[in-house]
Amino acid sequence: MAPVKKLIPVLGLDQAALSSIRTVLARNKSYLYIKRKIDIETADRVKALNLAGIAIEEEPQRFYPLGGSAASCPRRSERRQ
């Protein structure tokens, strides 16, 4: 739990988040997201702490060049022969 306490000011965690983390860790889970979707600067600050057992994992993110409003529109696909 000590590494998580060092992350509190960096990630801006509140007591509710800390309590939730404690609950999950008490169940002996081997993998836990502490906070997702952080910016690059915050990720760099976490890496600089060099905490054992704490890793930064990049997640793929969809990009819609025309914006998200057309993302759910069905597309018609035809095979040409």
N, C-alpha and C. Protein backbone atom coordinates (compact mmCIF):
# COMPACT_ATOMS: atom_id res chain seq x y z
N MET A 1 0.81 -1.19 0.00
CA MET A 1 0.00 0.00 0.00
C MET A 1 0.86 1.27 0.00
N ALA A 2 2.10 1.14 0.44
CA ALA A 2 2.98 2.31 0.49
C ALA A 2 3.19 2.95 -0.88
N PRO A 3 3.40 2.17 -1.96
CA PRO A 3 3.55 2.81 -3.27
C PRO A 3 2.31 3.61 -3.68
N VAL A 4 1.15 3.11 -3.34
CA VAL A 4 -0.09 3.80 -3.70
C VAL A 4 -0.17 5.15 -2.99
N LYS A 5 0.27 5.21 -1.74
CA LYS A 5 0.25 6.47 -1.00
C LYS A 5 1.11 7.53 -1.67
N LYS A 6 2.20 7.11 -2.31
CA LYS A 6 3.06 8.06 -3.02
C LYS A 6 2.38 8.57 -4.30
N LEU A 7 1.42 7.81 -4.80
CA LEU A 7 0.72 8.20 -6.02
C LEU A 7 -0.44 9.17 -5.77
N ILE A 8 -0.89 9.27 -4.53
CA ILE A 8 -2.06 10.10 -4.21
C ILE A 8 -1.90 11.53 -4.72
N PRO A 9 -0.80 12.23 -4.39
CA PRO A 9 -0.69 13.61 -4.89
C PRO A 9 -0.46 13.69 -6.40
N VAL A 10 0.20 12.70 -6.97
CA VAL A 10 0.50 12.74 -8.41
C VAL A 10 -0.77 12.52 -9.23
N LEU A 11 -1.58 11.56 -8.80
CA LEU A 11 -2.79 11.22 -9.56
C LEU A 11 -4.03 11.95 -9.07
N GLY A 12 -3.91 12.66 -7.96
CA GLY A 12 -5.07 13.38 -7.43
C GLY A 12 -6.14 12.45 -6.91
N LEU A 13 -5.75 11.37 -6.26
CA LEU A 13 -6.71 10.41 -5.72
C LEU A 13 -7.34 10.95 -4.45
N ASP A 14 -8.62 10.62 -4.25
CA ASP A 14 -9.30 11.02 -3.02
C ASP A 14 -9.42 9.81 -2.08
N GLN A 15 -9.99 10.02 -0.92
CA GLN A 15 -10.11 8.95 0.07
C GLN A 15 -11.00 7.81 -0.42
N ALA A 16 -12.03 8.11 -1.21
CA ALA A 16 -12.91 7.07 -1.75
C ALA A 16 -12.13 6.14 -2.68
N ALA A 17 -11.29 6.72 -3.53
CA ALA A 17 -10.47 5.92 -4.43
C ALA A 17 -9.47 5.08 -3.65
N LEU A 18 -8.87 5.66 -2.63
CA LEU A 18 -7.92 4.94 -1.80
C LEU A 18 -8.59 3.78 -1.09
N SER A 19 -9.79 3.99 -0.60
CA SER A 19 -10.55 2.93 0.07
C SER A 19 -10.89 1.81 -0.90
N SER A 20 -11.26 2.17 -2.12
CA SER A 20 -11.57 1.17 -3.15
C SER A 20 -10.34 0.34 -3.50
N ILE A 21 -9.18 1.00 -3.59
CA ILE A 21 -7.93 0.30 -3.89
C ILE A 21 -7.60 -0.68 -2.77
N ARG A 22 -7.77 -0.24 -1.53
CA ARG A 22 -7.51 -1.12 -0.38
C ARG A 22 -8.40 -2.36 -0.42
N THR A 23 -9.67 -2.16 -0.77
CA THR A 23 -10.61 -3.28 -0.84
C THR A 23 -10.18 -4.29 -1.88
N VAL A 24 -9.79 -3.81 -3.05
CA VAL A 24 -9.36 -4.72 -4.12
C VAL A 24 -8.07 -5.44 -3.73
N LEU A 25 -7.12 -4.71 -3.15
CA LEU A 25 -5.86 -5.33 -2.75
C LEU A 25 -6.07 -6.38 -1.65
N ALA A 26 -7.07 -6.18 -0.82
CA ALA A 26 -7.36 -7.15 0.24
C ALA A 26 -7.84 -8.48 -0.33
N ARG A 27 -8.36 -8.45 -1.55
CA ARG A 27 -8.83 -9.68 -2.21
C ARG A 27 -7.69 -10.40 -2.94
N ASN A 28 -6.47 -9.92 -2.75
CA ASN A 28 -5.28 -10.52 -3.37
C ASN A 28 -5.35 -10.56 -4.89
N LYS A 29 -5.87 -9.51 -5.47
CA LYS A 29 -5.88 -9.39 -6.93
C LYS A 29 -4.46 -9.10 -7.40
N SER A 30 -4.09 -9.67 -8.53
CA SER A 30 -2.73 -9.48 -9.02
C SER A 30 -2.62 -8.30 -9.99
N TYR A 31 -3.77 -7.75 -10.41
CA TYR A 31 -3.75 -6.66 -11.39
C TYR A 31 -4.84 -5.68 -11.02
N LEU A 32 -4.50 -4.42 -11.02
CA LEU A 32 -5.46 -3.40 -10.61
C LEU A 32 -5.17 -2.09 -11.33
N TYR A 33 -6.19 -1.52 -11.95
CA TYR A 33 -6.05 -0.18 -12.50
C TYR A 33 -6.20 0.80 -11.34
N ILE A 34 -5.23 1.66 -11.15
CA ILE A 34 -5.33 2.68 -10.12
C ILE A 34 -6.02 3.91 -10.70
N LYS A 35 -5.62 4.31 -11.90
CA LYS A 35 -6.29 5.40 -12.59
C LYS A 35 -6.04 5.24 -14.08
N ARG A 36 -7.08 5.45 -14.86
CA ARG A 36 -6.97 5.31 -16.30
C ARG A 36 -7.10 6.66 -16.97
N LYS A 37 -6.66 6.71 -18.22
CA LYS A 37 -6.76 7.90 -19.06
C LYS A 37 -6.08 9.11 -18.44
N ILE A 38 -4.82 8.94 -18.10
CA ILE A 38 -4.05 10.08 -17.58
C ILE A 38 -3.26 10.71 -18.71
N ASP A 39 -2.90 11.96 -18.56
CA ASP A 39 -2.15 12.63 -19.62
C ASP A 39 -0.67 12.21 -19.57
N ILE A 40 0.06 12.57 -20.59
CA ILE A 40 1.46 12.15 -20.74
C ILE A 40 2.33 12.71 -19.61
N GLU A 41 2.09 13.95 -19.22
CA GLU A 41 2.89 14.56 -18.15
C GLU A 41 2.71 13.81 -16.84
N THR A 42 1.46 13.43 -16.53
CA THR A 42 1.20 12.68 -15.30
C THR A 42 1.86 11.31 -15.37
N ALA A 43 1.77 10.66 -16.52
CA ALA A 43 2.42 9.36 -16.69
C ALA A 43 3.92 9.46 -16.47
N ASP A 44 4.51 10.52 -16.96
CA ASP A 44 5.95 10.73 -16.76
C ASP A 44 6.28 10.93 -15.28
N ARG A 45 5.42 11.64 -14.57
CA ARG A 45 5.64 11.84 -13.13
C ARG A 45 5.53 10.53 -12.36
N VAL A 46 4.59 9.66 -12.77
CA VAL A 46 4.45 8.35 -12.13
C VAL A 46 5.70 7.50 -12.41
N LYS A 47 6.15 7.50 -13.65
CA LYS A 47 7.36 6.74 -14.01
C LYS A 47 8.56 7.22 -13.22
N ALA A 48 8.66 8.53 -13.00
CA ALA A 48 9.80 9.10 -12.29
C ALA A 48 9.86 8.65 -10.83
N LEU A 49 8.72 8.23 -10.28
CA LEU A 49 8.71 7.74 -8.90
C LEU A 49 9.41 6.39 -8.75
N ASN A 50 9.54 5.64 -9.86
CA ASN A 50 10.22 4.32 -9.84
C ASN A 50 9.66 3.40 -8.77
N LEU A 51 8.36 3.22 -8.72
CA LEU A 51 7.73 2.40 -7.70
C LEU A 51 7.64 0.95 -8.15
N ALA A 52 8.08 0.05 -7.29
CA ALA A 52 8.01 -1.38 -7.60
C ALA A 52 6.55 -1.82 -7.69
N GLY A 53 6.23 -2.53 -8.75
CA GLY A 53 4.88 -3.06 -8.92
C GLY A 53 3.91 -2.09 -9.57
N ILE A 54 4.36 -0.88 -9.88
CA ILE A 54 3.50 0.11 -10.52
C ILE A 54 4.00 0.30 -11.95
N ALA A 55 3.08 0.14 -12.90
CA ALA A 55 3.46 0.26 -14.31
C ALA A 55 2.47 1.16 -15.04
N ILE A 56 2.94 1.76 -16.10
CA ILE A 56 2.09 2.57 -16.99
C ILE A 56 1.80 1.71 -18.21
N GLU A 57 0.54 1.58 -18.53
CA GLU A 57 0.14 0.78 -19.68
C GLU A 57 -0.61 1.66 -20.67
N GLU A 58 -0.12 1.70 -21.89
CA GLU A 58 -0.80 2.48 -22.92
C GLU A 58 -1.98 1.68 -23.45
N GLU A 59 -3.09 2.37 -23.62
CA GLU A 59 -4.29 1.73 -24.15
C GLU A 59 -4.59 2.29 -25.54
N PRO A 60 -4.96 1.42 -26.46
CA PRO A 60 -5.31 1.92 -27.79
C PRO A 60 -6.56 2.79 -27.70
N GLN A 61 -6.61 3.77 -28.57
CA GLN A 61 -7.74 4.68 -28.56
C GLN A 61 -8.21 4.90 -29.99
N ARG A 62 -9.50 4.83 -30.20
CA ARG A 62 -10.02 5.04 -31.55
C ARG A 62 -9.95 6.50 -31.93
N PHE A 63 -9.70 6.72 -33.19
CA PHE A 63 -9.64 8.07 -33.72
C PHE A 63 -10.60 8.15 -34.90
N TYR A 64 -11.48 9.13 -34.87
CA TYR A 64 -12.43 9.34 -35.96
C TYR A 64 -12.05 10.65 -36.67
N PRO A 65 -11.47 10.55 -37.87
CA PRO A 65 -11.01 11.75 -38.56
C PRO A 65 -12.11 12.75 -38.87
N LEU A 66 -13.34 12.27 -39.02
CA LEU A 66 -14.46 13.17 -39.31
C LEU A 66 -15.25 13.51 -38.06
N GLY A 67 -14.75 13.15 -36.91
CA GLY A 67 -15.46 13.44 -35.66
C GLY A 67 -16.29 12.25 -35.21
N GLY A 68 -16.70 12.27 -33.98
CA GLY A 68 -17.42 11.15 -33.39
C GLY A 68 -18.88 11.07 -33.79
N SER A 69 -19.44 12.12 -34.39
CA SER A 69 -20.87 12.10 -34.70
C SER A 69 -21.22 11.06 -35.77
N ALA A 70 -20.30 10.72 -36.63
CA ALA A 70 -20.58 9.73 -37.68
C ALA A 70 -20.06 8.34 -37.30
N ALA A 71 -19.58 8.17 -36.10
CA ALA A 71 -18.96 6.91 -35.71
C ALA A 71 -19.94 5.75 -35.68
N SER A 72 -21.19 6.03 -35.33
CA SER A 72 -22.14 4.94 -35.20
C SER A 72 -23.00 4.72 -36.44
N CYS A 73 -22.73 5.44 -37.51
CA CYS A 73 -23.50 5.28 -38.75
C CYS A 73 -23.11 3.97 -39.43
N PRO A 74 -24.11 3.19 -39.80
CA PRO A 74 -23.77 1.94 -40.51
C PRO A 74 -23.19 2.26 -41.88
N ARG A 75 -22.27 1.45 -42.28
CA ARG A 75 -21.63 1.65 -43.58
C ARG A 75 -22.03 0.49 -44.50
N ARG A 76 -22.19 0.81 -45.72
CA ARG A 76 -22.55 -0.20 -46.70
C ARG A 76 -21.28 -0.66 -47.40
N SER A 77 -21.13 -1.93 -47.46
CA SER A 77 -19.94 -2.48 -48.10
C SER A 77 -20.36 -3.40 -49.24
N GLU A 78 -19.84 -3.16 -50.39
CA GLU A 78 -20.15 -3.99 -51.55
C GLU A 78 -18.88 -4.62 -52.06
N ARG A 79 -18.99 -5.86 -52.45
CA ARG A 79 -17.85 -6.53 -53.08
C ARG A 79 -17.94 -6.35 -54.57
N ARG A 80 -16.85 -5.92 -55.13
CA ARG A 80 -16.82 -5.80 -56.60
C ARG A 80 -16.20 -7.04 -57.17
N GLN A 81 -16.78 -7.48 -58.24
CA GLN A 81 -16.28 -8.70 -58.86
C GLN A 81 -15.70 -8.42 -60.21
